[in-house]
Amino acid sequence: MKVISIISPARRGGRNPFIFTVSAAYASDKLIAADYQRKSVLTQKLASQATDVAEYSIRDHYSMIKRVVSEYLKTHKETVFV
């Protein structure tokens, strides 16, 4: 929910909410793994198979999410998951 709340509806644009949520879960897994200096559990392929969302859609949404979260972290000087 934190990752989703960082991204304004204007930045989300007309993206499919289901695909966006799958990608946010994938991004969150990567952020949590980084915070704990561990390997992430989800892969794009696994998320794709579990949700029937194309890997390229997850990759496309994830790249936008990653960019926005990176900008957020630079200005807020905090971790996303506390």
PDB file of N, CA and C in Angstrom:
ATOM      1  N   MET A   1       0.826  -1.189   0.000  1.00  0.00           N
ATOM      2  CA  MET A   1       0.000   0.000   0.000  1.00  0.00           C
ATOM      3  C   MET A   1       0.876   1.261   0.000  1.00  0.00           C
ATOM      4  N   LYS A   2       2.021   1.185   0.663  1.00  0.00           N
ATOM      5  CA  LYS A   2       2.909   2.350   0.710  1.00  0.00           C
ATOM      6  C   LYS A   2       3.401   2.715  -0.684  1.00  0.00           C
ATOM      7  N   VAL A   3       3.800   1.720  -1.466  1.00  0.00           N
ATOM      8  CA  VAL A   3       4.280   1.983  -2.827  1.00  0.00           C
ATOM      9  C   VAL A   3       3.165   2.601  -3.654  1.00  0.00           C
ATOM     10  N   ILE A   4       1.970   2.053  -3.565  1.00  0.00           N
ATOM     11  CA  ILE A   4       0.844   2.588  -4.324  1.00  0.00           C
ATOM     12  C   ILE A   4       0.538   4.015  -3.890  1.00  0.00           C
ATOM     13  N   SER A   5       0.616   4.302  -2.589  1.00  0.00           N
ATOM     14  CA  SER A   5       0.300   5.649  -2.106  1.00  0.00           C
ATOM     15  C   SER A   5       1.323   6.696  -2.554  1.00  0.00           C
ATOM     16  N   ILE A   6       2.531   6.282  -2.844  1.00  0.00           N
ATOM     17  CA  ILE A   6       3.573   7.209  -3.298  1.00  0.00           C
ATOM     18  C   ILE A   6       3.273   7.716  -4.708  1.00  0.00           C
ATOM     19  N   ILE A   7       2.615   6.909  -5.496  1.00  0.00           N
ATOM     20  CA  ILE A   7       2.387   7.241  -6.904  1.00  0.00           C
ATOM     21  C   ILE A   7       1.012   7.872  -7.065  1.00  0.00           C
ATOM     22  N   SER A   8       0.996   9.111  -7.471  1.00  0.00           N
ATOM     23  CA  SER A   8      -0.259   9.846  -7.613  1.00  0.00           C
ATOM     24  C   SER A   8      -1.083   9.282  -8.768  1.00  0.00           C
ATOM     25  N   PRO A   9      -2.396   9.463  -8.702  1.00  0.00           N
ATOM     26  CA  PRO A   9      -3.247   9.003  -9.810  1.00  0.00           C
ATOM     27  C   PRO A   9      -2.831   9.616 -11.154  1.00  0.00           C
ATOM     28  N   ALA A  10      -2.335  10.837 -11.144  1.00  0.00           N
ATOM     29  CA  ALA A  10      -1.888  11.467 -12.388  1.00  0.00           C
ATOM     30  C   ALA A  10      -0.693  10.718 -12.981  1.00  0.00           C
ATOM     31  N   ARG A  11       0.217  10.247 -12.133  1.00  0.00           N
ATOM     32  CA  ARG A  11       1.384   9.487 -12.608  1.00  0.00           C
ATOM     33  C   ARG A  11       0.980   8.100 -13.100  1.00  0.00           C
ATOM     34  N   ARG A  12      -0.056   7.535 -12.481  1.00  0.00           N
ATOM     35  CA  ARG A  12      -0.545   6.217 -12.899  1.00  0.00           C
ATOM     36  C   ARG A  12      -1.197   6.292 -14.272  1.00  0.00           C
ATOM     37  N   GLY A  13      -1.793   7.440 -14.547  1.00  0.00           N
ATOM     38  CA  GLY A  13      -2.435   7.629 -15.852  1.00  0.00           C
ATOM     39  C   GLY A  13      -3.533   6.623 -16.091  1.00  0.00           C
ATOM     40  N   GLY A  14      -3.624   6.112 -17.293  1.00  0.00           N
ATOM     41  CA  GLY A  14      -4.673   5.171 -17.652  1.00  0.00           C
ATOM     42  C   GLY A  14      -4.251   3.727 -17.507  1.00  0.00           C
ATOM     43  N   ARG A  15      -3.297   3.463 -16.640  1.00  0.00           N
ATOM     44  CA  ARG A  15      -2.804   2.086 -16.482  1.00  0.00           C
ATOM     45  C   ARG A  15      -3.875   1.190 -15.867  1.00  0.00           C
ATOM     46  N   ASN A  16      -3.882  -0.036 -16.295  1.00  0.00           N
ATOM     47  CA  ASN A  16      -4.803  -1.035 -15.769  1.00  0.00           C
ATOM     48  C   ASN A  16      -4.533  -1.216 -14.278  1.00  0.00           C
ATOM     49  N   PRO A  17      -5.548  -1.021 -13.419  1.00  0.00           N
ATOM     50  CA  PRO A  17      -5.328  -1.108 -11.965  1.00  0.00           C
ATOM     51  C   PRO A  17      -4.845  -2.485 -11.501  1.00  0.00           C
ATOM     52  N   PHE A  18      -5.315  -3.556 -12.139  1.00  0.00           N
ATOM     53  CA  PHE A  18      -4.892  -4.896 -11.741  1.00  0.00           C
ATOM     54  C   PHE A  18      -3.412  -5.103 -12.050  1.00  0.00           C
ATOM     55  N   ILE A  19      -3.007  -4.746 -13.244  1.00  0.00           N
ATOM     56  CA  ILE A  19      -1.603  -4.899 -13.634  1.00  0.00           C
ATOM     57  C   ILE A  19      -0.723  -3.988 -12.779  1.00  0.00           C
ATOM     58  N   PHE A  20      -1.211  -2.792 -12.496  1.00  0.00           N
ATOM     59  CA  PHE A  20      -0.465  -1.866 -11.652  1.00  0.00           C
ATOM     60  C   PHE A  20      -0.253  -2.459 -10.259  1.00  0.00           C
ATOM     61  N   THR A  21      -1.287  -3.091  -9.706  1.00  0.00           N
ATOM     62  CA  THR A  21      -1.187  -3.689  -8.371  1.00  0.00           C
ATOM     63  C   THR A  21      -0.215  -4.866  -8.356  1.00  0.00           C
ATOM     64  N   VAL A  22      -0.258  -5.691  -9.377  1.00  0.00           N
ATOM     65  CA  VAL A  22       0.691  -6.815  -9.486  1.00  0.00           C
ATOM     66  C   VAL A  22       2.116  -6.274  -9.536  1.00  0.00           C
ATOM     67  N   SER A  23       2.319  -5.231 -10.319  1.00  0.00           N
ATOM     68  CA  SER A  23       3.648  -4.629 -10.448  1.00  0.00           C
ATOM     69  C   SER A  23       4.088  -3.965  -9.152  1.00  0.00           C
ATOM     70  N   ALA A  24       3.150  -3.370  -8.429  1.00  0.00           N
ATOM     71  CA  ALA A  24       3.469  -2.758  -7.129  1.00  0.00           C
ATOM     72  C   ALA A  24       3.885  -3.833  -6.128  1.00  0.00           C
ATOM     73  N   ALA A  25       3.235  -4.982  -6.167  1.00  0.00           N
ATOM     74  CA  ALA A  25       3.626  -6.096  -5.285  1.00  0.00           C
ATOM     75  C   ALA A  25       5.036  -6.574  -5.642  1.00  0.00           C
ATOM     76  N   TYR A  26       5.314  -6.683  -6.927  1.00  0.00           N
ATOM     77  CA  TYR A  26       6.652  -7.079  -7.391  1.00  0.00           C
ATOM     78  C   TYR A  26       7.696  -6.054  -6.931  1.00  0.00           C
ATOM     79  N   ALA A  27       7.390  -4.777  -7.104  1.00  0.00           N
ATOM     80  CA  ALA A  27       8.307  -3.710  -6.682  1.00  0.00           C
ATOM     81  C   ALA A  27       8.503  -3.726  -5.170  1.00  0.00           C
ATOM     82  N   SER A  28       7.427  -3.942  -4.440  1.00  0.00           N
ATOM     83  CA  SER A  28       7.515  -3.983  -2.977  1.00  0.00           C
ATOM     84  C   SER A  28       8.405  -5.113  -2.501  1.00  0.00           C
ATOM     85  N   ASP A  29       8.283  -6.261  -3.138  1.00  0.00           N
ATOM     86  CA  ASP A  29       9.136  -7.405  -2.795  1.00  0.00           C
ATOM     87  C   ASP A  29      10.606  -7.044  -2.997  1.00  0.00           C
ATOM     88  N   LYS A  30      10.900  -6.364  -4.084  1.00  0.00           N
ATOM     89  CA  LYS A  30      12.285  -5.963  -4.359  1.00  0.00           C
ATOM     90  C   LYS A  30      12.772  -4.944  -3.329  1.00  0.00           C
ATOM     91  N   LEU A  31      11.923  -4.005  -2.928  1.00  0.00           N
ATOM     92  CA  LEU A  31      12.303  -3.002  -1.926  1.00  0.00           C
ATOM     93  C   LEU A  31      12.529  -3.637  -0.557  1.00  0.00           C
ATOM     94  N   ILE A  32      11.643  -4.533  -0.173  1.00  0.00           N
ATOM     95  CA  ILE A  32      11.799  -5.217   1.121  1.00  0.00           C
ATOM     96  C   ILE A  32      13.085  -6.033   1.130  1.00  0.00           C
ATOM     97  N   ALA A  33      13.344  -6.746   0.059  1.00  0.00           N
ATOM     98  CA  ALA A  33      14.575  -7.544  -0.035  1.00  0.00           C
ATOM     99  C   ALA A  33      15.802  -6.646   0.086  1.00  0.00           C
ATOM    100  N   ALA A  34      15.772  -5.494  -0.566  1.00  0.00           N
ATOM    101  CA  ALA A  34      16.907  -4.564  -0.488  1.00  0.00           C
ATOM    102  C   ALA A  34      17.082  -4.043   0.934  1.00  0.00           C
ATOM    103  N   ASP A  35      15.974  -3.709   1.613  1.00  0.00           N
ATOM    104  CA  ASP A  35      16.048  -3.224   2.996  1.00  0.00           C
ATOM    105  C   ASP A  35      16.689  -4.250   3.918  1.00  0.00           C
ATOM    106  N   TYR A  36      16.418  -5.520   3.666  1.00  0.00           N
ATOM    107  CA  TYR A  36      16.951  -6.598   4.507  1.00  0.00           C
ATOM    108  C   TYR A  36      18.194  -7.244   3.918  1.00  0.00           C
ATOM    109  N   GLN A  37      18.694  -6.670   2.848  1.00  0.00           N
ATOM    110  CA  GLN A  37      19.872  -7.182   2.148  1.00  0.00           C
ATOM    111  C   GLN A  37      19.740  -8.671   1.834  1.00  0.00           C
ATOM    112  N   ARG A  38      18.595  -9.007   1.284  1.00  0.00           N
ATOM    113  CA  ARG A  38      18.280 -10.375   0.891  1.00  0.00           C
ATOM    114  C   ARG A  38      17.895 -10.400  -0.577  1.00  0.00           C
ATOM    115  N   LYS A  39      17.765 -11.587  -1.106  1.00  0.00           N
ATOM    116  CA  LYS A  39      17.318 -11.756  -2.482  1.00  0.00           C
ATOM    117  C   LYS A  39      15.785 -11.704  -2.504  1.00  0.00           C
ATOM    118  N   SER A  40      15.229 -11.040  -3.512  1.00  0.00           N
ATOM    119  CA  SER A  40      13.771 -10.961  -3.600  1.00  0.00           C
ATOM    120  C   SER A  40      13.183 -12.335  -3.918  1.00  0.00           C
ATOM    121  N   VAL A  41      11.945 -12.530  -3.505  1.00  0.00           N
ATOM    122  CA  VAL A  41      11.268 -13.804  -3.687  1.00  0.00           C
ATOM    123  C   VAL A  41      10.569 -13.860  -5.040  1.00  0.00           C
ATOM    124  N   LEU A  42       9.898 -12.785  -5.409  1.00  0.00           N
ATOM    125  CA  LEU A  42       9.135 -12.761  -6.657  1.00  0.00           C
ATOM    126  C   LEU A  42      10.028 -12.507  -7.865  1.00  0.00           C
ATOM    127  N   THR A  43       9.712 -13.173  -8.928  1.00  0.00           N
ATOM    128  CA  THR A  43      10.315 -12.860 -10.224  1.00  0.00           C
ATOM    129  C   THR A  43       9.172 -12.386 -11.118  1.00  0.00           C
ATOM    130  N   GLN A  44       9.514 -11.733 -12.204  1.00  0.00           N
ATOM    131  CA  GLN A  44       8.470 -11.309 -13.134  1.00  0.00           C
ATOM    132  C   GLN A  44       7.720 -12.520 -13.675  1.00  0.00           C
ATOM    133  N   LYS A  45       8.451 -13.589 -13.930  1.00  0.00           N
ATOM    134  CA  LYS A  45       7.828 -14.796 -14.457  1.00  0.00           C
ATOM    135  C   LYS A  45       6.855 -15.398 -13.452  1.00  0.00           C
ATOM    136  N   LEU A  46       7.262 -15.494 -12.188  1.00  0.00           N
ATOM    137  CA  LEU A  46       6.400 -16.055 -11.151  1.00  0.00           C
ATOM    138  C   LEU A  46       5.151 -15.194 -10.953  1.00  0.00           C
ATOM    139  N   ALA A  47       5.334 -13.876 -10.885  1.00  0.00           N
ATOM    140  CA  ALA A  47       4.190 -12.974 -10.739  1.00  0.00           C
ATOM    141  C   ALA A  47       3.260 -13.096 -11.945  1.00  0.00           C
ATOM    142  N   SER A  48       3.844 -13.235 -13.116  1.00  0.00           N
ATOM    143  CA  SER A  48       3.061 -13.386 -14.344  1.00  0.00           C
ATOM    144  C   SER A  48       2.240 -14.672 -14.320  1.00  0.00           C
ATOM    145  N   GLN A  49       2.868 -15.763 -13.954  1.00  0.00           N
ATOM    146  CA  GLN A  49       2.170 -17.048 -13.920  1.00  0.00           C
ATOM    147  C   GLN A  49       1.077 -17.065 -12.853  1.00  0.00           C
ATOM    148  N   ALA A  50       1.335 -16.459 -11.708  1.00  0.00           N
ATOM    149  CA  ALA A  50       0.374 -16.476 -10.610  1.00  0.00           C
ATOM    150  C   ALA A  50      -0.841 -15.594 -10.878  1.00  0.00           C
ATOM    151  N   THR A  51      -0.665 -14.562 -11.685  1.00  0.00           N
ATOM    152  CA  THR A  51      -1.739 -13.581 -11.883  1.00  0.00           C
ATOM    153  C   THR A  51      -2.271 -13.529 -13.309  1.00  0.00           C
ATOM    154  N   ASP A  52      -1.644 -14.250 -14.206  1.00  0.00           N
ATOM    155  CA  ASP A  52      -2.015 -14.244 -15.623  1.00  0.00           C
ATOM    156  C   ASP A  52      -1.861 -12.842 -16.239  1.00  0.00           C
ATOM    157  N   VAL A  53      -0.820 -12.143 -15.801  1.00  0.00           N
ATOM    158  CA  VAL A  53      -0.455 -10.839 -16.363  1.00  0.00           C
ATOM    159  C   VAL A  53       0.836 -11.037 -17.146  1.00  0.00           C
ATOM    160  N   ALA A  54       0.903 -10.484 -18.331  1.00  0.00           N
ATOM    161  CA  ALA A  54       2.087 -10.642 -19.173  1.00  0.00           C
ATOM    162  C   ALA A  54       3.328 -10.053 -18.496  1.00  0.00           C
ATOM    163  N   GLU A  55       4.446 -10.763 -18.625  1.00  0.00           N
ATOM    164  CA  GLU A  55       5.705 -10.293 -18.029  1.00  0.00           C
ATOM    165  C   GLU A  55       6.078  -8.909 -18.530  1.00  0.00           C
ATOM    166  N   TYR A  56       5.883  -8.639 -19.808  1.00  0.00           N
ATOM    167  CA  TYR A  56       6.250  -7.329 -20.341  1.00  0.00           C
ATOM    168  C   TYR A  56       5.402  -6.224 -19.726  1.00  0.00           C
ATOM    169  N   SER A  57       4.155  -6.526 -19.346  1.00  0.00           N
ATOM    170  CA  SER A  57       3.310  -5.525 -18.684  1.00  0.00           C
ATOM    171  C   SER A  57       3.836  -5.233 -17.277  1.00  0.00           C
ATOM    172  N   ILE A  58       4.232  -6.285 -16.572  1.00  0.00           N
ATOM    173  CA  ILE A  58       4.815  -6.105 -15.235  1.00  0.00           C
ATOM    174  C   ILE A  58       6.090  -5.279 -15.352  1.00  0.00           C
ATOM    175  N   ARG A  59       6.920  -5.613 -16.325  1.00  0.00           N
ATOM    176  CA  ARG A  59       8.185  -4.897 -16.540  1.00  0.00           C
ATOM    177  C   ARG A  59       7.939  -3.420 -16.858  1.00  0.00           C
ATOM    178  N   ASP A  60       6.969  -3.136 -17.715  1.00  0.00           N
ATOM    179  CA  ASP A  60       6.646  -1.761 -18.082  1.00  0.00           C
ATOM    180  C   ASP A  60       6.164  -0.959 -16.873  1.00  0.00           C
ATOM    181  N   HIS A  61       5.227  -1.515 -16.130  1.00  0.00           N
ATOM    182  CA  HIS A  61       4.710  -0.821 -14.944  1.00  0.00           C
ATOM    183  C   HIS A  61       5.809  -0.680 -13.883  1.00  0.00           C
ATOM    184  N   TYR A  62       6.589  -1.735 -13.702  1.00  0.00           N
ATOM    185  CA  TYR A  62       7.658  -1.705 -12.697  1.00  0.00           C
ATOM    186  C   TYR A  62       8.672  -0.606 -12.983  1.00  0.00           C
ATOM    187  N   SER A  63       9.009  -0.403 -14.241  1.00  0.00           N
ATOM    188  CA  SER A  63       9.997   0.641 -14.555  1.00  0.00           C
ATOM    189  C   SER A  63       9.482   2.021 -14.153  1.00  0.00           C
ATOM    190  N   MET A  64       8.198   2.275 -14.350  1.00  0.00           N
ATOM    191  CA  MET A  64       7.614   3.543 -13.922  1.00  0.00           C
ATOM    192  C   MET A  64       7.586   3.634 -12.394  1.00  0.00           C
ATOM    193  N   ILE A  65       7.177   2.561 -11.738  1.00  0.00           N
ATOM    194  CA  ILE A  65       7.114   2.540 -10.274  1.00  0.00           C
ATOM    195  C   ILE A  65       8.502   2.776  -9.686  1.00  0.00           C
ATOM    196  N   LYS A  66       9.493   2.098 -10.223  1.00  0.00           N
ATOM    197  CA  LYS A  66      10.870   2.229  -9.731  1.00  0.00           C
ATOM    198  C   LYS A  66      11.349   3.669  -9.840  1.00  0.00           C
ATOM    199  N   ARG A  67      11.073   4.313 -10.964  1.00  0.00           N
ATOM    200  CA  ARG A  67      11.490   5.700 -11.180  1.00  0.00           C
ATOM    201  C   ARG A  67      10.821   6.640 -10.167  1.00  0.00           C
ATOM    202  N   VAL A  68       9.516   6.488  -9.960  1.00  0.00           N
ATOM    203  CA  VAL A  68       8.777   7.364  -9.048  1.00  0.00           C
ATOM    204  C   VAL A  68       9.208   7.137  -7.603  1.00  0.00           C
ATOM    205  N   VAL A  69       9.375   5.881  -7.206  1.00  0.00           N
ATOM    206  CA  VAL A  69       9.793   5.583  -5.828  1.00  0.00           C
ATOM    207  C   VAL A  69      11.208   6.106  -5.581  1.00  0.00           C
ATOM    208  N   SER A  70      12.087   5.996  -6.569  1.00  0.00           N
ATOM    209  CA  SER A  70      13.449   6.530  -6.432  1.00  0.00           C
ATOM    210  C   SER A  70      13.422   8.038  -6.216  1.00  0.00           C
ATOM    211  N   GLU A  71      12.598   8.737  -6.981  1.00  0.00           N
ATOM    212  CA  GLU A  71      12.453  10.185  -6.805  1.00  0.00           C
ATOM    213  C   GLU A  71      11.923  10.500  -5.410  1.00  0.00           C
ATOM    214  N   TYR A  72      10.945   9.736  -4.962  1.00  0.00           N
ATOM    215  CA  TYR A  72      10.359   9.931  -3.635  1.00  0.00           C
ATOM    216  C   TYR A  72      11.415   9.755  -2.541  1.00  0.00           C
ATOM    217  N   LEU A  73      12.199   8.705  -2.643  1.00  0.00           N
ATOM    218  CA  LEU A  73      13.215   8.438  -1.621  1.00  0.00           C
ATOM    219  C   LEU A  73      14.285   9.520  -1.570  1.00  0.00           C
ATOM    220  N   LYS A  74      14.626  10.104  -2.726  1.00  0.00           N
ATOM    221  CA  LYS A  74      15.610  11.178  -2.755  1.00  0.00           C
ATOM    222  C   LYS A  74      15.124  12.413  -2.017  1.00  0.00           C
ATOM    223  N   THR A  75      13.837  12.700  -2.112  1.00  0.00           N
ATOM    224  CA  THR A  75      13.296  13.915  -1.486  1.00  0.00           C
ATOM    225  C   THR A  75      12.842  13.701  -0.054  1.00  0.00           C
ATOM    226  N   HIS A  76      12.535  12.476   0.318  1.00  0.00           N
ATOM    227  CA  HIS A  76      12.004  12.218   1.665  1.00  0.00           C
ATOM    228  C   HIS A  76      13.012  11.597   2.622  1.00  0.00           C
ATOM    229  N   LYS A  77      14.151  11.173   2.137  1.00  0.00           N
ATOM    230  CA  LYS A  77      15.232  10.640   2.978  1.00  0.00           C
ATOM    231  C   LYS A  77      14.738   9.608   3.989  1.00  0.00           C
ATOM    232  N   GLU A  78      13.949   8.677   3.513  1.00  0.00           N
ATOM    233  CA  GLU A  78      13.446   7.619   4.386  1.00  0.00           C
ATOM    234  C   GLU A  78      13.331   6.338   3.585  1.00  0.00           C
ATOM    235  N   THR A  79      13.207   5.248   4.297  1.00  0.00           N
ATOM    236  CA  THR A  79      12.959   4.003   3.589  1.00  0.00           C
ATOM    237  C   THR A  79      11.451   3.877   3.385  1.00  0.00           C
ATOM    238  N   VAL A  80      11.072   3.129   2.403  1.00  0.00           N
ATOM    239  CA  VAL A  80       9.651   2.963   2.126  1.00  0.00           C
ATOM    240  C   VAL A  80       9.008   2.092   3.185  1.00  0.00           C
ATOM    241  N   PHE A  81       9.725   1.083   3.634  1.00  0.00           N
ATOM    242  CA  PHE A  81       9.180   0.152   4.623  1.00  0.00           C
ATOM    243  C   PHE A  81       9.885   0.342   5.954  1.00  0.00           C
ATOM    244  N   VAL A  82       9.144   0.768   6.935  1.00  0.00           N
ATOM    245  CA  VAL A  82       9.723   1.013   8.255  1.00  0.00           C
ATOM    246  C   VAL A  82       9.213  -0.021   9.218  1.00  0.00           C
TER     247      VAL A  82
END
